[in-house]
PDB file of N, CA and C in Angstrom:
ATOM      1  N   MET A   1      52.399 155.785 126.838  1.00  0.00           N
ATOM      2  CA  MET A   1      53.088 156.921 127.294  1.00  0.00           C
ATOM      3  C   MET A   1      54.062 156.401 127.913  1.00  0.00           C
ATOM      4  N   LEU A   2      55.298 156.419 127.660  1.00  0.00           N
ATOM      5  CA  LEU A   2      56.411 156.233 128.686  1.00  0.00           C
ATOM      6  C   LEU A   2      56.446 157.242 130.214  1.00  0.00           C
ATOM      7  N   THR A   3      56.712 156.720 131.507  1.00  0.00           N
ATOM      8  CA  THR A   3      56.508 157.596 132.400  1.00  0.00           C
ATOM      9  C   THR A   3      57.897 157.478 133.408  1.00  0.00           C
ATOM     10  N   LYS A   4      58.185 158.824 133.733  1.00  0.00           N
ATOM     11  CA  LYS A   4      59.674 158.871 134.744  1.00  0.00           C
ATOM     12  C   LYS A   4      59.151 159.384 135.918  1.00  0.00           C
ATOM     13  N   THR A   5      59.223 158.555 136.865  1.00  0.00           N
ATOM     14  CA  THR A   5      58.984 159.143 138.591  1.00  0.00           C
ATOM     15  C   THR A   5      60.271 160.027 139.303  1.00  0.00           C
ATOM     16  N   VAL A   6      59.955 161.252 139.426  1.00  0.00           N
ATOM     17  CA  VAL A   6      61.299 161.450 140.308  1.00  0.00           C
ATOM     18  C   VAL A   6      60.598 162.313 141.368  1.00  0.00           C
ATOM     19  N   ASP A   7      61.877 162.283 142.744  1.00  0.00           N
ATOM     20  CA  ASP A   7      61.511 162.691 143.969  1.00  0.00           C
ATOM     21  C   ASP A   7      61.656 164.381 143.955  1.00  0.00           C
ATOM     22  N   ILE A   8      60.736 164.895 144.700  1.00  0.00           N
ATOM     23  CA  ILE A   8      60.589 166.609 143.876  1.00  0.00           C
ATOM     24  C   ILE A   8      61.599 167.239 144.666  1.00  0.00           C
ATOM     25  N   GLN A   9      62.576 166.723 145.580  1.00  0.00           N
ATOM     26  CA  GLN A   9      63.839 167.422 145.789  1.00  0.00           C
ATOM     27  C   GLN A   9      64.714 167.122 144.353  1.00  0.00           C
ATOM     28  N   GLU A  10      64.693 166.066 143.762  1.00  0.00           N
ATOM     29  CA  GLU A  10      65.542 165.978 142.572  1.00  0.00           C
ATOM     30  C   GLU A  10      65.045 166.676 141.599  1.00  0.00           C
ATOM     31  N   ALA A  11      63.590 166.831 141.577  1.00  0.00           N
ATOM     32  CA  ALA A  11      62.786 167.749 140.597  1.00  0.00           C
ATOM     33  C   ALA A  11      63.517 169.027 140.444  1.00  0.00           C
ATOM     34  N   GLN A  12      63.832 169.958 141.722  1.00  0.00           N
ATOM     35  CA  GLN A  12      63.947 171.685 141.913  1.00  0.00           C
ATOM     36  C   GLN A  12      65.537 171.453 141.318  1.00  0.00           C
ATOM     37  N   THR A  13      66.251 170.479 141.017  1.00  0.00           N
ATOM     38  CA  THR A  13      67.622 171.014 140.257  1.00  0.00           C
ATOM     39  C   THR A  13      67.673 170.162 139.195  1.00  0.00           C
ATOM     40  N   ASN A  14      66.650 169.509 138.574  1.00  0.00           N
ATOM     41  CA  ASN A  14      66.504 169.312 137.381  1.00  0.00           C
ATOM     42  C   ASN A  14      65.458 169.546 136.493  1.00  0.00           C
ATOM     43  N   LEU A  15      64.962 170.641 136.916  1.00  0.00           N
ATOM     44  CA  LEU A  15      63.857 171.108 136.136  1.00  0.00           C
ATOM     45  C   LEU A  15      63.677 171.003 134.786  1.00  0.00           C
ATOM     46  N   LYS A  16      64.699 171.731 134.070  1.00  0.00           N
ATOM     47  CA  LYS A  16      64.954 172.005 132.644  1.00  0.00           C
ATOM     48  C   LYS A  16      64.864 170.425 131.904  1.00  0.00           C
ATOM     49  N   GLU A  17      65.784 169.821 132.795  1.00  0.00           N
ATOM     50  CA  GLU A  17      65.807 168.346 131.915  1.00  0.00           C
ATOM     51  C   GLU A  17      64.202 167.678 132.104  1.00  0.00           C
ATOM     52  N   LEU A  18      63.570 167.777 133.206  1.00  0.00           N
ATOM     53  CA  LEU A  18      62.391 167.103 133.153  1.00  0.00           C
ATOM     54  C   LEU A  18      61.035 167.893 132.225  1.00  0.00           C
ATOM     55  N   LEU A  19      61.564 169.256 131.996  1.00  0.00           N
ATOM     56  CA  LEU A  19      60.381 169.517 131.208  1.00  0.00           C
ATOM     57  C   LEU A  19      60.625 169.223 129.616  1.00  0.00           C
ATOM     58  N   SER A  20      61.946 169.080 129.240  1.00  0.00           N
ATOM     59  CA  SER A  20      62.463 168.605 128.118  1.00  0.00           C
ATOM     60  C   SER A  20      61.595 167.285 127.672  1.00  0.00           C
ATOM     61  N   LEU A  21      61.802 166.309 128.839  1.00  0.00           N
ATOM     62  CA  LEU A  21      61.425 164.935 128.889  1.00  0.00           C
ATOM     63  C   LEU A  21      59.870 165.107 128.569  1.00  0.00           C
ATOM     64  N   ALA A  22      59.030 165.949 129.328  1.00  0.00           N
ATOM     65  CA  ALA A  22      57.608 165.817 129.124  1.00  0.00           C
ATOM     66  C   ALA A  22      57.288 166.380 127.934  1.00  0.00           C
ATOM     67  N   LEU A  23      58.133 167.449 127.001  1.00  0.00           N
ATOM     68  CA  LEU A  23      57.859 168.083 125.825  1.00  0.00           C
ATOM     69  C   LEU A  23      58.002 166.995 124.735  1.00  0.00           C
ATOM     70  N   LYS A  24      58.826 165.889 124.953  1.00  0.00           N
ATOM     71  CA  LYS A  24      59.110 164.923 124.232  1.00  0.00           C
ATOM     72  C   LYS A  24      58.204 163.589 124.246  1.00  0.00           C
ATOM     73  N   GLY A  25      57.108 163.752 125.460  1.00  0.00           N
ATOM     74  CA  GLY A  25      55.658 162.949 125.536  1.00  0.00           C
ATOM     75  C   GLY A  25      56.364 161.677 126.432  1.00  0.00           C
ATOM     76  N   ILE A  26      57.363 162.208 127.166  1.00  0.00           N
ATOM     77  CA  ILE A  26      57.296 161.138 128.622  1.00  0.00           C
ATOM     78  C   ILE A  26      56.766 161.963 130.078  1.00  0.00           C
ATOM     79  N   GLU A  27      55.743 161.245 130.135  1.00  0.00           N
ATOM     80  CA  GLU A  27      55.245 161.857 131.648  1.00  0.00           C
ATOM     81  C   GLU A  27      55.970 161.631 132.781  1.00  0.00           C
ATOM     82  N   VAL A  28      55.781 162.946 133.304  1.00  0.00           N
ATOM     83  CA  VAL A  28      56.842 163.181 134.274  1.00  0.00           C
ATOM     84  C   VAL A  28      56.143 162.873 135.766  1.00  0.00           C
ATOM     85  N   VAL A  29      56.199 162.252 136.913  1.00  0.00           N
ATOM     86  CA  VAL A  29      55.477 162.129 137.835  1.00  0.00           C
ATOM     87  C   VAL A  29      56.353 162.773 139.149  1.00  0.00           C
ATOM     88  N   LEU A  30      55.953 163.637 139.699  1.00  0.00           N
ATOM     89  CA  LEU A  30      56.744 163.949 141.071  1.00  0.00           C
ATOM     90  C   LEU A  30      56.322 163.588 142.224  1.00  0.00           C
ATOM     91  N   THR A  31      57.139 163.215 143.156  1.00  0.00           N
ATOM     92  CA  THR A  31      56.548 162.491 144.046  1.00  0.00           C
ATOM     93  C   THR A  31      57.156 163.295 145.573  1.00  0.00           C
ATOM     94  N   GLU A  32      56.769 162.785 146.395  1.00  0.00           N
ATOM     95  CA  GLU A  32      57.393 163.205 148.041  1.00  0.00           C
ATOM     96  C   GLU A  32      57.171 162.027 148.783  1.00  0.00           C
ATOM     97  N   GLY A  33      58.580 161.602 149.276  1.00  0.00           N
ATOM     98  CA  GLY A  33      58.325 160.337 150.024  1.00  0.00           C
ATOM     99  C   GLY A  33      57.588 159.241 149.601  1.00  0.00           C
ATOM    100  N   GLY A  34      57.662 159.280 148.066  1.00  0.00           N
ATOM    101  CA  GLY A  34      56.894 158.236 147.368  1.00  0.00           C
ATOM    102  C   GLY A  34      55.803 158.189 147.420  1.00  0.00           C
ATOM    103  N   ILE A  35      54.975 159.257 147.194  1.00  0.00           N
ATOM    104  CA  ILE A  35      53.669 159.698 147.213  1.00  0.00           C
ATOM    105  C   ILE A  35      53.432 160.440 145.805  1.00  0.00           C
ATOM    106  N   PRO A  36      53.035 160.045 144.995  1.00  0.00           N
ATOM    107  CA  PRO A  36      52.540 161.018 143.569  1.00  0.00           C
ATOM    108  C   PRO A  36      52.011 162.379 144.088  1.00  0.00           C
ATOM    109  N   LEU A  37      52.467 163.553 143.434  1.00  0.00           N
ATOM    110  CA  LEU A  37      51.746 165.000 143.575  1.00  0.00           C
ATOM    111  C   LEU A  37      51.328 165.293 142.402  1.00  0.00           C
ATOM    112  N   VAL A  38      52.146 165.454 141.371  1.00  0.00           N
ATOM    113  CA  VAL A  38      51.821 166.281 140.277  1.00  0.00           C
ATOM    114  C   VAL A  38      52.247 165.225 139.054  1.00  0.00           C
ATOM    115  N   ARG A  39      51.867 165.633 137.839  1.00  0.00           N
ATOM    116  CA  ARG A  39      52.102 165.257 136.747  1.00  0.00           C
ATOM    117  C   ARG A  39      52.419 166.180 135.780  1.00  0.00           C
ATOM    118  N   LEU A  40      53.591 166.051 135.194  1.00  0.00           N
ATOM    119  CA  LEU A  40      54.039 166.740 134.439  1.00  0.00           C
ATOM    120  C   LEU A  40      53.751 166.796 132.611  1.00  0.00           C
ATOM    121  N   ALA A  41      53.090 166.981 131.900  1.00  0.00           N
ATOM    122  CA  ALA A  41      52.606 166.718 130.548  1.00  0.00           C
ATOM    123  C   ALA A  41      52.670 167.612 129.953  1.00  0.00           C
ATOM    124  N   PRO A  42      52.903 167.350 128.569  1.00  0.00           N
ATOM    125  CA  PRO A  42      52.914 168.465 127.528  1.00  0.00           C
ATOM    126  C   PRO A  42      51.711 168.883 127.075  1.00  0.00           C
ATOM    127  N   ILE A  43      51.443 169.999 127.086  1.00  0.00           N
ATOM    128  CA  ILE A  43      49.713 170.767 126.736  1.00  0.00           C
ATOM    129  C   ILE A  43      49.689 170.263 125.237  1.00  0.00           C
ATOM    130  N   ALA A  44      48.395 169.417 124.494  1.00  0.00           N
ATOM    131  CA  ALA A  44      48.312 169.118 123.312  1.00  0.00           C
ATOM    132  C   ALA A  44      47.770 170.351 122.320  1.00  0.00           C
ATOM    133  N   SER A  45      48.619 170.425 121.315  1.00  0.00           N
ATOM    134  CA  SER A  45      48.234 171.357 120.424  1.00  0.00           C
ATOM    135  C   SER A  45      47.465 170.927 119.354  1.00  0.00           C
ATOM    136  N   PRO A  46      46.180 171.545 118.528  1.00  0.00           N
ATOM    137  CA  PRO A  46      45.779 170.872 117.606  1.00  0.00           C
ATOM    138  C   PRO A  46      46.575 170.548 116.542  1.00  0.00           C
ATOM    139  N   THR A  47      46.472 169.562 115.839  1.00  0.00           N
ATOM    140  CA  THR A  47      47.332 168.811 114.738  1.00  0.00           C
ATOM    141  C   THR A  47      46.952 169.724 113.437  1.00  0.00           C
ATOM    142  N   LYS A  48      45.982 170.323 113.031  1.00  0.00           N
ATOM    143  CA  LYS A  48      45.568 171.100 112.173  1.00  0.00           C
ATOM    144  C   LYS A  48      44.821 172.526 112.150  1.00  0.00           C
ATOM    145  N   GLN A  49      44.954 173.163 111.260  1.00  0.00           N
ATOM    146  CA  GLN A  49      43.966 174.580 111.316  1.00  0.00           C
ATOM    147  C   GLN A  49      42.377 174.223 111.421  1.00  0.00           C
ATOM    148  N   ARG A  50      41.730 175.013 112.332  1.00  0.00           N
ATOM    149  CA  ARG A  50      40.524 174.589 112.156  1.00  0.00           C
ATOM    150  C   ARG A  50      39.791 175.545 110.973  1.00  0.00           C
ATOM    151  N   THR A  51      38.749 175.227 110.180  1.00  0.00           N
ATOM    152  CA  THR A  51      38.347 176.191 109.343  1.00  0.00           C
ATOM    153  C   THR A  51      36.587 176.530 109.310  1.00  0.00           C
ATOM    154  N   ALA A  52      36.437 177.885 109.406  1.00  0.00           N
ATOM    155  CA  ALA A  52      35.437 178.188 109.894  1.00  0.00           C
ATOM    156  C   ALA A  52      34.454 177.915 108.629  1.00  0.00           C
ATOM    157  N   GLY A  53      33.068 177.747 108.880  1.00  0.00           N
ATOM    158  CA  GLY A  53      32.166 177.560 107.619  1.00  0.00           C
ATOM    159  C   GLY A  53      31.735 176.295 107.198  1.00  0.00           C
ATOM    160  N   LEU A  54      32.322 174.981 107.612  1.00  0.00           N
ATOM    161  CA  LEU A  54      32.400 174.038 106.804  1.00  0.00           C
ATOM    162  C   LEU A  54      31.188 172.790 107.089  1.00  0.00           C
ATOM    163  N   HIS A  55      30.367 173.654 107.971  1.00  0.00           N
ATOM    164  CA  HIS A  55      29.288 172.693 108.451  1.00  0.00           C
ATOM    165  C   HIS A  55      28.008 174.148 108.392  1.00  0.00           C
ATOM    166  N   ALA A  56      27.808 174.859 107.447  1.00  0.00           N
ATOM    167  CA  ALA A  56      27.059 175.890 107.323  1.00  0.00           C
ATOM    168  C   ALA A  56      25.787 175.316 107.180  1.00  0.00           C
ATOM    169  N   GLY A  57      24.641 175.682 108.201  1.00  0.00           N
ATOM    170  CA  GLY A  57      23.326 174.964 108.453  1.00  0.00           C
ATOM    171  C   GLY A  57      23.117 173.939 109.151  1.00  0.00           C
ATOM    172  N   ALA A  58      24.113 173.152 109.415  1.00  0.00           N
ATOM    173  CA  ALA A  58      24.206 172.139 110.563  1.00  0.00           C
ATOM    174  C   ALA A  58      23.350 172.618 111.779  1.00  0.00           C
ATOM    175  N   ILE A  59      23.477 173.855 112.469  1.00  0.00           N
ATOM    176  CA  ILE A  59      23.073 173.983 113.752  1.00  0.00           C
ATOM    177  C   ILE A  59      21.911 175.342 113.249  1.00  0.00           C
ATOM    178  N   TRP A  60      21.050 175.407 114.303  1.00  0.00           N
ATOM    179  CA  TRP A  60      20.159 176.560 114.184  1.00  0.00           C
ATOM    180  C   TRP A  60      20.011 177.377 115.715  1.00  0.00           C
ATOM    181  N   THR A  61      19.706 178.340 115.598  1.00  0.00           N
ATOM    182  CA  THR A  61      19.487 178.936 117.063  1.00  0.00           C
ATOM    183  C   THR A  61      18.137 179.732 117.190  1.00  0.00           C
ATOM    184  N   SER A  62      17.035 179.394 118.006  1.00  0.00           N
ATOM    185  CA  SER A  62      15.977 180.137 117.880  1.00  0.00           C
ATOM    186  C   SER A  62      16.051 181.606 118.359  1.00  0.00           C
ATOM    187  N   ASP A  63      14.844 182.185 117.822  1.00  0.00           N
ATOM    188  CA  ASP A  63      14.834 183.263 117.685  1.00  0.00           C
ATOM    189  C   ASP A  63      15.072 184.100 119.239  1.00  0.00           C
ATOM    190  N   ASP A  64      14.458 183.332 120.222  1.00  0.00           N
ATOM    191  CA  ASP A  64      14.507 183.553 121.105  1.00  0.00           C
ATOM    192  C   ASP A  64      15.279 183.082 122.592  1.00  0.00           C
ATOM    193  N   PHE A  65      16.625 182.490 121.739  1.00  0.00           N
ATOM    194  CA  PHE A  65      17.396 182.144 122.477  1.00  0.00           C
ATOM    195  C   PHE A  65      17.945 182.772 124.084  1.00  0.00           C
ATOM    196  N   ASP A  66      17.998 184.010 123.720  1.00  0.00           N
ATOM    197  CA  ASP A  66      18.557 184.677 124.658  1.00  0.00           C
ATOM    198  C   ASP A  66      17.297 185.751 125.875  1.00  0.00           C
ATOM    199  N   GLU A  67      16.074 185.360 125.595  1.00  0.00           N
ATOM    200  CA  GLU A  67      15.192 186.045 126.016  1.00  0.00           C
ATOM    201  C   GLU A  67      14.983 185.386 127.890  1.00  0.00           C
ATOM    202  N   PRO A  68      14.841 186.373 128.784  1.00  0.00           N
ATOM    203  CA  PRO A  68      14.905 185.557 129.809  1.00  0.00           C
ATOM    204  C   PRO A  68      14.090 184.563 130.047  1.00  0.00           C
ATOM    205  N   LEU A  69      13.944 183.453 130.896  1.00  0.00           N
ATOM    206  CA  LEU A  69      13.480 182.368 131.040  1.00  0.00           C
ATOM    207  C   LEU A  69      12.285 182.548 132.207  1.00  0.00           C
ATOM    208  N   PRO A  70      11.355 182.193 132.130  1.00  0.00           N
ATOM    209  CA  PRO A  70       9.946 182.222 132.770  1.00  0.00           C
ATOM    210  C   PRO A  70      10.152 181.960 134.345  1.00  0.00           C
ATOM    211  N   ASP A  71       9.484 182.736 135.268  1.00  0.00           N
ATOM    212  CA  ASP A  71       9.240 182.515 136.562  1.00  0.00           C
ATOM    213  C   ASP A  71       9.440 181.252 136.843  1.00  0.00           C
ATOM    214  N   GLU A  72       8.365 180.245 136.011  1.00  0.00           N
ATOM    215  CA  GLU A  72       7.900 179.074 136.326  1.00  0.00           C
ATOM    216  C   GLU A  72       9.061 177.929 136.428  1.00  0.00           C
ATOM    217  N   PHE A  73      10.058 178.540 135.610  1.00  0.00           N
ATOM    218  CA  PHE A  73      11.338 177.715 135.361  1.00  0.00           C
ATOM    219  C   PHE A  73      12.122 177.727 136.222  1.00  0.00           C
ATOM    220  N   TRP A  74      12.237 178.948 137.129  1.00  0.00           N
ATOM    221  CA  TRP A  74      13.354 179.246 138.468  1.00  0.00           C
ATOM    222  C   TRP A  74      12.474 178.540 139.658  1.00  0.00           C
ATOM    223  N   THR A  75      11.345 178.476 139.633  1.00  0.00           N
ATOM    224  CA  THR A  75      10.624 177.845 140.849  1.00  0.00           C
ATOM    225  C   THR A  75      10.362 176.325 140.842  1.00  0.00           C
ATOM    226  N   GLY A  76      10.521 175.865 139.690  1.00  0.00           N
ATOM    227  CA  GLY A  76      10.486 174.425 139.303  1.00  0.00           C
ATOM    228  C   GLY A  76       8.706 174.057 139.277  1.00  0.00           C
ATOM    229  N   ASN A  77       7.891 174.912 138.722  1.00  0.00           N
ATOM    230  CA  ASN A  77       6.655 174.919 138.775  1.00  0.00           C
ATOM    231  C   ASN A  77       6.363 174.909 137.192  1.00  0.00           C
ATOM    232  N   LEU A  78       7.288 173.859 136.124  1.00  0.00           N
ATOM    233  CA  LEU A  78       6.764 173.777 134.631  1.00  0.00           C
ATOM    234  C   LEU A  78       5.895 172.547 134.454  1.00  0.00           C
TER     235      LEU A  78
END
């Protein structure tokens, strides 16, 4: 991934341009006095739609999964 480093003062005047770069996949690092503060990067979105039910029966849940845990569990005396 390409990276562009920008001082925070410059970033205030060029925010739209920096966001555009980030959306294109270029990492933008904002600095103050040469010290990196934050990173602008696009939020990854799923590349394909998920389909429910493809792995039916692959997992199971016990009948008592939502029952309260015994006192011994909380006191550490199991």
